[in-house]
Amino acid sequence: MIEELLPQTVVAVEAYGDEGADAPLYPEEEALLKRAVPKRRREFTAVRACARRAMDKLGVPARPVLPGERGAPVWPDGLAGSMTHCQGYCAAALVRAADLASLGIDAEPHAPLPKGVLSSVALPREAARIGGLAEELPAVHWDRLLFSAKESVYKAWFPLTGKWLDFMEADLDLFTDPGERTRGGFRATLLVPGPRVGARVVDHFTGRWTTGRGLVATAVAVPHG
């Protein structure tokens, strides 16, 4: 699901169910799980198995993937990447830093957000827009899709800034592709000063989304130029 949302320069590896949950960990990674519950251990291990398979596809020696500031994964020099996991699914996407400035991916169960959550993650105008989309295409859970897209935006934003981005600091507009009902794109207009990427200051991110197999997946790729 994730790979179809990203440029061809990106390598994406995904796993379903418990695939990769018993993969070996590096000692540094194992040390982080001393008090982890089984669910946390399975997710942590499986998504790192995906990351190492992605490194192999890029021709990069496998390395530990440790959490850095705010839990963001620290990638080997020369790489940019993102990881995601939810119930029954995980994925990692990697790219050479020369090819993209940053990227972010996210996957969520394709189900409505819990009651009361939308108001904490959506601006009033965003809520109004997805309300209209829900009338046109009720098979898509637009509230969950909005949440996932904002997660992808944040994951692409953080490596460029090292700063937190609140849900209310990006105005996200979702749309479907012509003739499609299960995929489309989005534009997230930043409501705070954006990061500098090369000679430009980024004022928005664009991304892609899809649904399938009980999941919604989103991705953002930030070019250099």
N, C-alpha and C. Protein backbone atom coordinates (compact mmCIF):
# COMPACT_ATOMS: atom_id res chain seq x y z
N MET A 1 0.81 -1.21 0.00
CA MET A 1 0.00 0.00 0.00
C MET A 1 0.85 1.26 0.00
N ILE A 2 1.89 1.28 0.83
CA ILE A 2 2.69 2.49 0.99
C ILE A 2 3.48 2.80 -0.28
N GLU A 3 4.06 1.77 -0.90
CA GLU A 3 4.96 2.00 -2.03
C GLU A 3 4.28 2.74 -3.17
N GLU A 4 2.99 2.46 -3.41
CA GLU A 4 2.29 3.10 -4.52
C GLU A 4 2.07 4.59 -4.28
N LEU A 5 2.28 5.05 -3.06
CA LEU A 5 2.06 6.45 -2.72
C LEU A 5 3.32 7.30 -2.83
N LEU A 6 4.45 6.69 -3.11
CA LEU A 6 5.74 7.37 -3.01
C LEU A 6 6.47 7.36 -4.35
N PRO A 7 7.42 8.29 -4.54
CA PRO A 7 8.21 8.30 -5.79
C PRO A 7 9.00 7.01 -5.95
N GLN A 8 9.42 6.74 -7.18
CA GLN A 8 10.13 5.51 -7.48
C GLN A 8 11.49 5.42 -6.81
N THR A 9 12.04 6.55 -6.40
CA THR A 9 13.34 6.53 -5.72
C THR A 9 13.24 5.97 -4.30
N VAL A 10 12.02 5.87 -3.77
CA VAL A 10 11.81 5.39 -2.40
C VAL A 10 11.63 3.88 -2.41
N VAL A 11 12.27 3.21 -1.45
CA VAL A 11 12.07 1.78 -1.24
C VAL A 11 11.15 1.62 -0.03
N ALA A 12 10.05 0.92 -0.21
CA ALA A 12 9.10 0.68 0.88
C ALA A 12 8.93 -0.81 1.09
N VAL A 13 8.93 -1.23 2.34
CA VAL A 13 8.71 -2.63 2.70
C VAL A 13 7.61 -2.65 3.75
N GLU A 14 6.62 -3.55 3.57
CA GLU A 14 5.52 -3.63 4.51
C GLU A 14 5.32 -5.08 4.94
N ALA A 15 4.64 -5.25 6.07
CA ALA A 15 4.38 -6.59 6.60
C ALA A 15 2.99 -6.59 7.21
N TYR A 16 2.31 -7.74 7.08
CA TYR A 16 0.97 -7.90 7.62
C TYR A 16 0.99 -8.96 8.72
N GLY A 17 0.06 -8.85 9.64
CA GLY A 17 -0.02 -9.83 10.73
C GLY A 17 1.22 -9.80 11.59
N ASP A 18 1.74 -10.97 11.95
CA ASP A 18 2.92 -11.06 12.81
C ASP A 18 4.21 -11.26 12.02
N GLU A 19 4.16 -11.02 10.72
CA GLU A 19 5.36 -11.18 9.90
C GLU A 19 6.49 -10.29 10.43
N GLY A 20 7.64 -10.88 10.72
CA GLY A 20 8.80 -10.13 11.20
C GLY A 20 8.82 -9.89 12.69
N ALA A 21 7.77 -10.32 13.40
CA ALA A 21 7.69 -10.03 14.83
C ALA A 21 8.71 -10.80 15.66
N ASP A 22 9.27 -11.88 15.10
CA ASP A 22 10.29 -12.64 15.82
C ASP A 22 11.67 -12.45 15.21
N ALA A 23 11.86 -11.42 14.41
CA ALA A 23 13.16 -11.14 13.80
C ALA A 23 14.18 -10.75 14.88
N PRO A 24 15.46 -11.02 14.65
CA PRO A 24 16.47 -10.65 15.64
C PRO A 24 16.65 -9.14 15.72
N LEU A 25 16.99 -8.68 16.91
CA LEU A 25 17.25 -7.26 17.15
C LEU A 25 18.72 -7.05 17.48
N TYR A 26 19.21 -5.86 17.26
CA TYR A 26 20.54 -5.49 17.71
C TYR A 26 20.50 -5.28 19.23
N PRO A 27 21.63 -5.48 19.92
CA PRO A 27 21.64 -5.29 21.38
C PRO A 27 21.13 -3.93 21.81
N GLU A 28 21.46 -2.88 21.04
CA GLU A 28 21.01 -1.54 21.40
C GLU A 28 19.49 -1.44 21.33
N GLU A 29 18.89 -2.14 20.37
CA GLU A 29 17.43 -2.14 20.25
C GLU A 29 16.80 -2.98 21.35
N GLU A 30 17.39 -4.14 21.60
CA GLU A 30 16.88 -5.03 22.64
C GLU A 30 16.86 -4.34 23.99
N ALA A 31 17.85 -3.49 24.24
CA ALA A 31 17.94 -2.80 25.53
C ALA A 31 16.76 -1.86 25.76
N LEU A 32 16.11 -1.42 24.69
CA LEU A 32 14.98 -0.51 24.81
C LEU A 32 13.69 -1.22 25.19
N LEU A 33 13.71 -2.56 25.17
CA LEU A 33 12.48 -3.33 25.36
C LEU A 33 12.44 -4.09 26.68
N LYS A 34 13.28 -3.74 27.60
CA LYS A 34 13.35 -4.48 28.86
C LYS A 34 12.03 -4.53 29.59
N ARG A 35 11.25 -3.46 29.51
CA ARG A 35 9.96 -3.42 30.21
C ARG A 35 8.78 -3.39 29.23
N ALA A 36 9.03 -3.70 27.96
CA ALA A 36 7.98 -3.61 26.95
C ALA A 36 6.98 -4.75 27.08
N VAL A 37 5.71 -4.44 26.89
CA VAL A 37 4.68 -5.47 26.86
C VAL A 37 4.80 -6.20 25.53
N PRO A 38 4.24 -7.42 25.42
CA PRO A 38 4.39 -8.20 24.18
C PRO A 38 3.95 -7.46 22.92
N LYS A 39 2.84 -6.71 22.98
CA LYS A 39 2.36 -5.99 21.80
C LYS A 39 3.40 -4.98 21.33
N ARG A 40 3.96 -4.23 22.26
CA ARG A 40 4.98 -3.24 21.92
C ARG A 40 6.21 -3.92 21.32
N ARG A 41 6.61 -5.05 21.88
CA ARG A 41 7.78 -5.77 21.35
C ARG A 41 7.53 -6.24 19.92
N ARG A 42 6.34 -6.78 19.66
CA ARG A 42 6.04 -7.28 18.32
C ARG A 42 6.08 -6.14 17.29
N GLU A 43 5.45 -5.02 17.63
CA GLU A 43 5.43 -3.89 16.70
C GLU A 43 6.82 -3.33 16.48
N PHE A 44 7.57 -3.14 17.55
CA PHE A 44 8.93 -2.60 17.48
C PHE A 44 9.80 -3.48 16.60
N THR A 45 9.71 -4.79 16.79
CA THR A 45 10.55 -5.73 16.05
C THR A 45 10.15 -5.82 14.59
N ALA A 46 8.86 -5.94 14.33
CA ALA A 46 8.39 -6.12 12.96
C ALA A 46 8.71 -4.92 12.09
N VAL A 47 8.54 -3.71 12.60
CA VAL A 47 8.79 -2.54 11.77
C VAL A 47 10.29 -2.37 11.52
N ARG A 48 11.12 -2.80 12.46
CA ARG A 48 12.56 -2.75 12.21
C ARG A 48 13.02 -3.82 11.24
N ALA A 49 12.32 -4.94 11.23
CA ALA A 49 12.60 -5.94 10.19
C ALA A 49 12.30 -5.35 8.81
N CYS A 50 11.21 -4.60 8.69
CA CYS A 50 10.90 -3.93 7.43
C CYS A 50 12.00 -2.92 7.07
N ALA A 51 12.45 -2.16 8.06
CA ALA A 51 13.49 -1.16 7.80
C ALA A 51 14.77 -1.81 7.31
N ARG A 52 15.15 -2.94 7.89
CA ARG A 52 16.39 -3.59 7.46
C ARG A 52 16.26 -4.19 6.06
N ARG A 53 15.07 -4.68 5.74
CA ARG A 53 14.85 -5.16 4.36
C ARG A 53 14.93 -4.00 3.38
N ALA A 54 14.45 -2.83 3.78
CA ALA A 54 14.54 -1.66 2.91
C ALA A 54 15.99 -1.23 2.74
N MET A 55 16.78 -1.28 3.82
CA MET A 55 18.20 -0.96 3.71
C MET A 55 18.88 -1.90 2.72
N ASP A 56 18.55 -3.17 2.82
CA ASP A 56 19.15 -4.16 1.93
C ASP A 56 18.79 -3.85 0.47
N LYS A 57 17.55 -3.47 0.21
CA LYS A 57 17.13 -3.14 -1.15
C LYS A 57 17.87 -1.92 -1.69
N LEU A 58 18.24 -1.01 -0.79
CA LEU A 58 19.00 0.18 -1.19
C LEU A 58 20.50 -0.10 -1.29
N GLY A 59 20.92 -1.30 -0.89
CA GLY A 59 22.33 -1.62 -0.90
C GLY A 59 23.10 -1.01 0.25
N VAL A 60 22.39 -0.78 1.36
CA VAL A 60 23.00 -0.17 2.55
C VAL A 60 23.15 -1.24 3.62
N PRO A 61 24.31 -1.36 4.29
CA PRO A 61 24.45 -2.35 5.35
C PRO A 61 23.40 -2.12 6.45
N ALA A 62 22.83 -3.20 6.96
CA ALA A 62 21.83 -3.09 8.02
C ALA A 62 22.41 -2.46 9.26
N ARG A 63 21.65 -1.61 9.90
CA ARG A 63 22.06 -0.91 11.12
C ARG A 63 20.91 -0.93 12.12
N PRO A 64 21.22 -0.72 13.40
CA PRO A 64 20.14 -0.53 14.37
C PRO A 64 19.34 0.72 14.02
N VAL A 65 18.05 0.70 14.32
CA VAL A 65 17.21 1.88 14.15
C VAL A 65 16.71 2.27 15.53
N LEU A 66 17.34 3.29 16.09
CA LEU A 66 17.05 3.71 17.45
C LEU A 66 16.22 4.99 17.44
N PRO A 67 15.37 5.18 18.43
CA PRO A 67 14.59 6.41 18.50
C PRO A 67 15.46 7.57 18.96
N GLY A 68 15.28 8.70 18.30
CA GLY A 68 15.99 9.91 18.68
C GLY A 68 15.05 10.86 19.39
N GLU A 69 15.22 12.15 19.11
CA GLU A 69 14.40 13.16 19.76
C GLU A 69 12.93 12.96 19.40
N ARG A 70 12.07 13.03 20.40
CA ARG A 70 10.62 12.84 20.25
C ARG A 70 10.28 11.49 19.62
N GLY A 71 11.18 10.53 19.74
CA GLY A 71 10.90 9.19 19.26
C GLY A 71 11.11 8.98 17.77
N ALA A 72 11.51 10.02 17.04
CA ALA A 72 11.72 9.87 15.60
C ALA A 72 12.89 8.93 15.34
N PRO A 73 12.79 8.02 14.38
CA PRO A 73 13.88 7.09 14.11
C PRO A 73 15.12 7.81 13.59
N VAL A 74 16.28 7.33 14.03
CA VAL A 74 17.56 7.88 13.57
C VAL A 74 18.10 6.95 12.49
N TRP A 75 18.23 7.48 11.28
CA TRP A 75 18.65 6.67 10.15
C TRP A 75 20.15 6.79 9.90
N PRO A 76 20.74 5.81 9.25
CA PRO A 76 22.17 5.93 8.89
C PRO A 76 22.42 7.17 8.04
N ASP A 77 23.63 7.70 8.11
CA ASP A 77 23.99 8.86 7.31
C ASP A 77 23.70 8.60 5.84
N GLY A 78 23.15 9.60 5.19
CA GLY A 78 22.86 9.49 3.77
C GLY A 78 21.49 8.97 3.45
N LEU A 79 20.69 8.64 4.48
CA LEU A 79 19.35 8.13 4.25
C LEU A 79 18.31 9.03 4.92
N ALA A 80 17.13 9.05 4.33
CA ALA A 80 15.95 9.63 4.96
C ALA A 80 14.89 8.54 4.97
N GLY A 81 14.03 8.57 5.98
CA GLY A 81 13.05 7.50 6.04
C GLY A 81 11.93 7.77 7.02
N SER A 82 11.02 6.81 7.08
CA SER A 82 9.88 6.91 7.99
C SER A 82 9.34 5.51 8.22
N MET A 83 8.73 5.31 9.38
CA MET A 83 8.14 4.02 9.73
C MET A 83 6.74 4.23 10.28
N THR A 84 5.93 3.18 10.19
CA THR A 84 4.59 3.23 10.77
C THR A 84 4.16 1.83 11.17
N HIS A 85 3.31 1.75 12.18
CA HIS A 85 2.72 0.47 12.54
C HIS A 85 1.36 0.70 13.20
N CYS A 86 0.47 -0.23 12.93
CA CYS A 86 -0.83 -0.26 13.59
C CYS A 86 -1.22 -1.72 13.70
N GLN A 87 -2.39 -2.00 14.23
CA GLN A 87 -2.80 -3.38 14.44
C GLN A 87 -2.76 -4.17 13.13
N GLY A 88 -1.89 -5.17 13.07
CA GLY A 88 -1.85 -6.06 11.92
C GLY A 88 -1.07 -5.56 10.72
N TYR A 89 -0.36 -4.43 10.85
CA TYR A 89 0.34 -3.89 9.70
C TYR A 89 1.51 -3.03 10.16
N CYS A 90 2.60 -3.09 9.41
CA CYS A 90 3.70 -2.15 9.64
C CYS A 90 4.44 -1.94 8.33
N ALA A 91 5.16 -0.83 8.23
CA ALA A 91 5.88 -0.52 7.00
C ALA A 91 7.02 0.44 7.32
N ALA A 92 8.06 0.37 6.48
CA ALA A 92 9.18 1.30 6.53
C ALA A 92 9.46 1.77 5.12
N ALA A 93 9.79 3.04 4.97
CA ALA A 93 10.14 3.61 3.67
C ALA A 93 11.47 4.33 3.81
N LEU A 94 12.38 4.07 2.88
CA LEU A 94 13.71 4.67 2.91
C LEU A 94 14.07 5.21 1.54
N VAL A 95 14.87 6.26 1.55
CA VAL A 95 15.34 6.88 0.32
C VAL A 95 16.71 7.47 0.58
N ARG A 96 17.52 7.55 -0.45
CA ARG A 96 18.80 8.24 -0.29
C ARG A 96 18.54 9.73 -0.12
N ALA A 97 19.26 10.34 0.81
CA ALA A 97 19.02 11.75 1.13
C ALA A 97 19.29 12.66 -0.06
N ALA A 98 20.07 12.20 -1.02
CA ALA A 98 20.30 12.99 -2.22
C ALA A 98 19.05 13.07 -3.10
N ASP A 99 18.14 12.12 -2.93
CA ASP A 99 16.95 12.06 -3.79
C ASP A 99 15.74 12.78 -3.21
N LEU A 100 15.61 12.82 -1.89
CA LEU A 100 14.50 13.53 -1.24
C LEU A 100 15.01 14.23 0.01
N ALA A 101 14.39 15.36 0.32
CA ALA A 101 14.77 16.07 1.54
C ALA A 101 14.20 15.38 2.78
N SER A 102 13.00 14.82 2.65
CA SER A 102 12.35 14.17 3.79
C SER A 102 11.15 13.39 3.29
N LEU A 103 10.68 12.46 4.12
CA LEU A 103 9.43 11.77 3.81
C LEU A 103 8.76 11.33 5.09
N GLY A 104 7.46 11.09 4.99
CA GLY A 104 6.68 10.62 6.14
C GLY A 104 5.60 9.68 5.67
N ILE A 105 5.39 8.59 6.42
CA ILE A 105 4.33 7.64 6.09
C ILE A 105 3.52 7.34 7.35
N ASP A 106 2.27 6.95 7.13
CA ASP A 106 1.43 6.56 8.26
C ASP A 106 0.36 5.60 7.77
N ALA A 107 -0.02 4.66 8.63
CA ALA A 107 -1.14 3.75 8.36
C ALA A 107 -2.00 3.65 9.60
N GLU A 108 -3.29 3.55 9.39
CA GLU A 108 -4.26 3.49 10.49
C GLU A 108 -5.36 2.50 10.11
N PRO A 109 -6.06 1.95 11.10
CA PRO A 109 -7.26 1.17 10.78
C PRO A 109 -8.28 2.05 10.05
N HIS A 110 -8.88 1.52 9.00
CA HIS A 110 -9.87 2.31 8.27
C HIS A 110 -11.21 2.22 8.99
N ALA A 111 -11.31 3.04 10.03
CA ALA A 111 -12.49 3.07 10.89
C ALA A 111 -12.63 4.49 11.42
N PRO A 112 -13.82 4.86 11.89
CA PRO A 112 -13.99 6.21 12.41
C PRO A 112 -13.07 6.48 13.60
N LEU A 113 -12.67 7.72 13.76
CA LEU A 113 -11.93 8.11 14.95
C LEU A 113 -12.83 7.95 16.18
N PRO A 114 -12.24 7.68 17.34
CA PRO A 114 -13.05 7.64 18.55
C PRO A 114 -13.81 8.95 18.76
N LYS A 115 -14.95 8.86 19.39
CA LYS A 115 -15.79 10.04 19.61
C LYS A 115 -15.02 11.12 20.35
N GLY A 116 -15.08 12.34 19.85
CA GLY A 116 -14.45 13.48 20.50
C GLY A 116 -13.04 13.77 20.03
N VAL A 117 -12.44 12.87 19.24
CA VAL A 117 -11.04 13.07 18.82
C VAL A 117 -10.95 14.09 17.68
N LEU A 118 -11.91 14.08 16.78
CA LEU A 118 -11.82 14.95 15.60
C LEU A 118 -11.61 16.41 15.99
N SER A 119 -12.31 16.87 16.99
CA SER A 119 -12.20 18.29 17.36
C SER A 119 -10.83 18.66 17.89
N SER A 120 -10.05 17.66 18.31
CA SER A 120 -8.71 17.94 18.82
C SER A 120 -7.64 17.84 17.74
N VAL A 121 -8.00 17.35 16.56
CA VAL A 121 -6.99 17.21 15.50
C VAL A 121 -7.35 18.00 14.25
N ALA A 122 -8.57 18.53 14.16
CA ALA A 122 -9.01 19.20 12.94
C ALA A 122 -9.43 20.64 13.21
N LEU A 123 -9.02 21.54 12.34
CA LEU A 123 -9.53 22.90 12.36
C LEU A 123 -11.01 22.88 11.96
N PRO A 124 -11.79 23.88 12.41
CA PRO A 124 -13.21 23.90 12.03
C PRO A 124 -13.43 23.81 10.52
N ARG A 125 -12.60 24.50 9.74
CA ARG A 125 -12.78 24.45 8.28
C ARG A 125 -12.42 23.08 7.72
N GLU A 126 -11.46 22.38 8.34
CA GLU A 126 -11.15 21.02 7.91
C GLU A 126 -12.32 20.09 8.20
N ALA A 127 -12.88 20.23 9.40
CA ALA A 127 -14.02 19.39 9.77
C ALA A 127 -15.19 19.61 8.82
N ALA A 128 -15.40 20.86 8.41
CA ALA A 128 -16.48 21.16 7.48
C ALA A 128 -16.21 20.52 6.12
N ARG A 129 -14.95 20.58 5.67
CA ARG A 129 -14.63 20.00 4.36
C ARG A 129 -14.81 18.48 4.36
N ILE A 130 -14.34 17.81 5.40
CA ILE A 130 -14.48 16.35 5.40
C ILE A 130 -15.94 15.94 5.61
N GLY A 131 -16.71 16.82 6.24
CA GLY A 131 -18.14 16.55 6.33
C GLY A 131 -18.77 16.51 4.96
N GLY A 132 -18.37 17.43 4.08
CA GLY A 132 -18.88 17.43 2.71
C GLY A 132 -18.39 16.22 1.93
N LEU A 133 -17.14 15.84 2.14
CA LEU A 133 -16.60 14.66 1.46
C LEU A 133 -17.34 13.39 1.90
N ALA A 134 -17.68 13.33 3.18
CA ALA A 134 -18.37 12.15 3.70
C ALA A 134 -19.76 12.01 3.08
N GLU A 135 -20.41 13.12 2.76
CA GLU A 135 -21.71 13.05 2.10
C GLU A 135 -21.56 12.51 0.68
N GLU A 136 -20.47 12.90 0.00
CA GLU A 136 -20.25 12.46 -1.38
C GLU A 136 -19.75 11.02 -1.44
N LEU A 137 -18.89 10.64 -0.49
CA LEU A 137 -18.26 9.33 -0.54
C LEU A 137 -18.20 8.75 0.87
N PRO A 138 -19.33 8.24 1.37
CA PRO A 138 -19.39 7.79 2.76
C PRO A 138 -18.58 6.54 3.05
N ALA A 139 -18.12 5.82 2.02
CA ALA A 139 -17.35 4.60 2.27
C ALA A 139 -15.97 4.88 2.82
N VAL A 140 -15.48 6.12 2.67
CA VAL A 140 -14.18 6.51 3.21
C VAL A 140 -14.38 7.17 4.56
N HIS A 141 -13.61 6.75 5.54
CA HIS A 141 -13.66 7.39 6.86
C HIS A 141 -12.72 8.60 6.84
N TRP A 142 -13.27 9.72 6.43
CA TRP A 142 -12.46 10.91 6.18
C TRP A 142 -11.82 11.46 7.44
N ASP A 143 -12.45 11.26 8.58
CA ASP A 143 -11.84 11.76 9.82
C ASP A 143 -10.55 11.01 10.12
N ARG A 144 -10.57 9.68 9.95
CA ARG A 144 -9.36 8.89 10.17
C ARG A 144 -8.30 9.22 9.12
N LEU A 145 -8.74 9.44 7.90
CA LEU A 145 -7.82 9.79 6.83
C LEU A 145 -7.14 11.12 7.12
N LEU A 146 -7.89 12.09 7.58
CA LEU A 146 -7.31 13.39 7.96
C LEU A 146 -6.26 13.21 9.05
N PHE A 147 -6.58 12.42 10.06
CA PHE A 147 -5.64 12.17 11.15
C PHE A 147 -4.36 11.54 10.61
N SER A 148 -4.49 10.53 9.76
CA SER A 148 -3.32 9.85 9.21
C SER A 148 -2.48 10.79 8.36
N ALA A 149 -3.12 11.60 7.53
CA ALA A 149 -2.39 12.54 6.69
C ALA A 149 -1.60 13.53 7.53
N LYS A 150 -2.20 14.00 8.63
CA LYS A 150 -1.47 14.93 9.50
C LYS A 150 -0.29 14.25 10.19
N GLU A 151 -0.44 12.96 10.49
CA GLU A 151 0.69 12.21 11.04
C GLU A 151 1.83 12.14 10.03
N SER A 152 1.51 11.87 8.77
CA SER A 152 2.55 11.83 7.73
C SER A 152 3.20 13.19 7.55
N VAL A 153 2.41 14.24 7.60
CA VAL A 153 2.96 15.59 7.49
C VAL A 153 3.96 15.84 8.62
N TYR A 154 3.56 15.48 9.83
CA TYR A 154 4.47 15.71 10.97
C TYR A 154 5.77 14.92 10.81
N LYS A 155 5.66 13.67 10.36
CA LYS A 155 6.86 12.84 10.22
C LYS A 155 7.79 13.38 9.14
N ALA A 156 7.24 14.05 8.12
CA ALA A 156 8.09 14.70 7.12
C ALA A 156 8.65 16.02 7.62
N TRP A 157 7.88 16.73 8.42
CA TRP A 157 8.27 18.03 8.97
C TRP A 157 9.41 17.92 9.98
N PHE A 158 9.32 16.96 10.89
CA PHE A 158 10.23 16.95 12.04
C PHE A 158 11.70 16.83 11.65
N PRO A 159 12.09 15.94 10.72
CA PRO A 159 13.51 15.88 10.37
C PRO A 159 14.06 17.17 9.77
N LEU A 160 13.18 17.99 9.21
CA LEU A 160 13.61 19.25 8.61
C LEU A 160 13.72 20.38 9.62
N THR A 161 13.05 20.24 10.75
CA THR A 161 12.96 21.35 11.71
C THR A 161 13.44 21.00 13.11
N GLY A 162 13.27 19.73 13.50
CA GLY A 162 13.55 19.35 14.88
C GLY A 162 12.54 19.93 15.85
N LYS A 163 11.39 20.35 15.35
CA LYS A 163 10.37 21.00 16.18
C LYS A 163 9.05 20.25 16.09
N TRP A 164 8.25 20.42 17.13
CA TRP A 164 6.90 19.88 17.16
C TRP A 164 6.02 20.66 16.19
N LEU A 165 5.09 19.97 15.53
CA LEU A 165 4.06 20.60 14.71
C LEU A 165 2.72 20.16 15.24
N ASP A 166 1.94 21.10 15.76
CA ASP A 166 0.64 20.76 16.32
C ASP A 166 -0.35 20.44 15.21
N PHE A 167 -1.35 19.62 15.55
CA PHE A 167 -2.38 19.30 14.58
C PHE A 167 -3.04 20.55 14.01
N MET A 168 -3.13 21.60 14.81
CA MET A 168 -3.81 22.81 14.38
C MET A 168 -2.89 23.77 13.63
N GLU A 169 -1.66 23.37 13.37
CA GLU A 169 -0.71 24.24 12.69
C GLU A 169 -0.53 23.90 11.21
N ALA A 170 -1.40 23.06 10.69
CA ALA A 170 -1.43 22.76 9.26
C ALA A 170 -2.88 22.60 8.84
N ASP A 171 -3.24 23.25 7.75
CA ASP A 171 -4.60 23.19 7.21
C ASP A 171 -4.60 22.22 6.04
N LEU A 172 -5.25 21.07 6.20
CA LEU A 172 -5.12 19.98 5.25
C LEU A 172 -6.38 19.83 4.40
N ASP A 173 -6.19 19.78 3.10
CA ASP A 173 -7.28 19.65 2.14
C ASP A 173 -7.14 18.32 1.41
N LEU A 174 -8.14 17.46 1.53
CA LEU A 174 -8.13 16.12 0.93
C LEU A 174 -8.95 16.11 -0.36
N PHE A 175 -8.54 15.25 -1.29
CA PHE A 175 -9.31 15.09 -2.51
C PHE A 175 -9.10 13.69 -3.06
N THR A 176 -10.04 13.24 -3.90
CA THR A 176 -9.91 11.95 -4.58
C THR A 176 -9.37 12.18 -5.99
N ASP A 177 -8.71 11.14 -6.53
CA ASP A 177 -8.30 11.19 -7.92
C ASP A 177 -9.53 11.08 -8.82
N PRO A 178 -9.46 11.67 -10.01
CA PRO A 178 -10.61 11.57 -10.93
C PRO A 178 -10.99 10.12 -11.20
N GLY A 179 -12.25 9.82 -10.99
CA GLY A 179 -12.76 8.49 -11.25
C GLY A 179 -12.42 7.46 -10.19
N GLU A 180 -11.74 7.87 -9.12
CA GLU A 180 -11.34 6.94 -8.06
C GLU A 180 -12.19 7.13 -6.82
N ARG A 181 -12.33 6.05 -6.06
CA ARG A 181 -13.08 6.11 -4.81
C ARG A 181 -12.23 5.69 -3.61
N THR A 182 -11.04 5.14 -3.87
CA THR A 182 -10.23 4.61 -2.77
C THR A 182 -8.84 5.22 -2.72
N ARG A 183 -8.58 6.25 -3.50
CA ARG A 183 -7.26 6.87 -3.45
C ARG A 183 -7.35 8.33 -3.90
N GLY A 184 -6.34 9.08 -3.51
CA GLY A 184 -6.32 10.49 -3.88
C GLY A 184 -5.10 11.17 -3.31
N GLY A 185 -5.21 12.46 -3.07
CA GLY A 185 -4.08 13.23 -2.58
C GLY A 185 -4.51 14.24 -1.53
N PHE A 186 -3.55 15.01 -1.07
CA PHE A 186 -3.85 16.07 -0.12
C PHE A 186 -2.77 17.14 -0.16
N ARG A 187 -3.16 18.32 0.29
CA ARG A 187 -2.23 19.45 0.42
C ARG A 187 -2.38 19.99 1.83
N ALA A 188 -1.25 20.10 2.52
CA ALA A 188 -1.24 20.62 3.89
C ALA A 188 -0.54 21.98 3.88
N THR A 189 -1.32 23.03 4.06
CA THR A 189 -0.77 24.38 4.12
C THR A 189 -0.30 24.66 5.53
N LEU A 190 0.98 24.99 5.69
CA LEU A 190 1.53 25.26 7.01
C LEU A 190 1.03 26.61 7.52
N LEU A 191 0.62 26.65 8.76
CA LEU A 191 0.14 27.88 9.39
C LEU A 191 1.18 28.49 10.31
N VAL A 192 2.39 27.93 10.29
CA VAL A 192 3.55 28.44 11.01
C VAL A 192 4.69 28.52 10.01
N PRO A 193 5.76 29.29 10.32
CA PRO A 193 6.88 29.36 9.38
C PRO A 193 7.43 27.99 9.04
N GLY A 194 7.60 27.74 7.75
CA GLY A 194 8.05 26.43 7.30
C GLY A 194 9.56 26.31 7.26
N PRO A 195 10.05 25.09 7.07
CA PRO A 195 11.50 24.86 7.03
C PRO A 195 12.10 25.33 5.70
N ARG A 196 13.39 25.62 5.74
CA ARG A 196 14.11 25.93 4.52
C ARG A 196 14.68 24.65 3.95
N VAL A 197 14.40 24.41 2.68
CA VAL A 197 14.94 23.26 1.96
C VAL A 197 15.69 23.80 0.76
N GLY A 198 17.01 23.78 0.82
CA GLY A 198 17.82 24.38 -0.22
C GLY A 198 17.59 25.88 -0.26
N ALA A 199 17.20 26.39 -1.42
CA ALA A 199 17.02 27.83 -1.58
C ALA A 199 15.59 28.28 -1.31
N ARG A 200 14.71 27.35 -0.95
CA ARG A 200 13.30 27.72 -0.78
C ARG A 200 12.83 27.48 0.64
N VAL A 201 11.81 28.22 1.02
CA VAL A 201 11.13 27.99 2.29
C VAL A 201 9.83 27.25 1.98
N VAL A 202 9.66 26.10 2.60
CA VAL A 202 8.49 25.27 2.35
C VAL A 202 7.28 25.85 3.09
N ASP A 203 6.21 26.14 2.36
CA ASP A 203 4.99 26.64 3.01
C ASP A 203 3.85 25.63 2.97
N HIS A 204 4.08 24.48 2.31
CA HIS A 204 3.06 23.44 2.29
C HIS A 204 3.71 22.10 1.96
N PHE A 205 3.03 21.03 2.31
CA PHE A 205 3.41 19.68 1.93
C PHE A 205 2.29 19.08 1.09
N THR A 206 2.66 18.25 0.14
CA THR A 206 1.65 17.50 -0.61
C THR A 206 1.86 16.01 -0.36
N GLY A 207 0.78 15.26 -0.45
CA GLY A 207 0.88 13.83 -0.17
C GLY A 207 -0.16 13.03 -0.92
N ARG A 208 -0.13 11.72 -0.70
CA ARG A 208 -1.03 10.79 -1.34
C ARG A 208 -1.68 9.90 -0.29
N TRP A 209 -2.85 9.35 -0.61
CA TRP A 209 -3.53 8.44 0.32
C TRP A 209 -4.20 7.31 -0.46
N THR A 210 -4.43 6.22 0.24
CA THR A 210 -5.16 5.10 -0.33
C THR A 210 -5.84 4.33 0.80
N THR A 211 -6.84 3.53 0.45
CA THR A 211 -7.48 2.65 1.42
C THR A 211 -7.52 1.24 0.84
N GLY A 212 -7.56 0.26 1.73
CA GLY A 212 -7.64 -1.13 1.31
C GLY A 212 -7.22 -2.06 2.43
N ARG A 213 -7.71 -3.29 2.40
CA ARG A 213 -7.39 -4.31 3.39
C ARG A 213 -7.67 -3.82 4.82
N GLY A 214 -8.71 -3.01 4.96
CA GLY A 214 -9.09 -2.53 6.28
C GLY A 214 -8.21 -1.43 6.82
N LEU A 215 -7.40 -0.82 5.95
CA LEU A 215 -6.44 0.20 6.38
C LEU A 215 -6.59 1.46 5.54
N VAL A 216 -6.14 2.57 6.10
CA VAL A 216 -5.91 3.79 5.34
C VAL A 216 -4.43 4.12 5.48
N ALA A 217 -3.79 4.45 4.36
CA ALA A 217 -2.36 4.76 4.36
C ALA A 217 -2.13 6.10 3.70
N THR A 218 -1.18 6.85 4.23
CA THR A 218 -0.84 8.17 3.69
C THR A 218 0.67 8.32 3.61
N ALA A 219 1.11 9.20 2.73
CA ALA A 219 2.55 9.42 2.57
C ALA A 219 2.82 10.83 2.06
N VAL A 220 3.92 11.39 2.52
CA VAL A 220 4.39 12.71 2.08
C VAL A 220 5.84 12.57 1.66
N ALA A 221 6.19 13.10 0.50
CA ALA A 221 7.57 13.14 0.02
C ALA A 221 7.94 14.60 -0.24
N VAL A 222 9.04 15.04 0.34
CA VAL A 222 9.48 16.43 0.22
C VAL A 222 10.69 16.49 -0.70
N PRO A 223 10.57 17.08 -1.90
CA PRO A 223 11.70 17.15 -2.82
C PRO A 223 12.70 18.23 -2.39
N HIS A 224 13.88 18.16 -2.95
CA HIS A 224 14.88 19.18 -2.68
C HIS A 224 14.56 20.46 -3.44
N GLY A 225 14.10 20.33 -4.66
CA GLY A 225 13.91 21.51 -5.50
C GLY A 225 12.49 22.01 -5.47
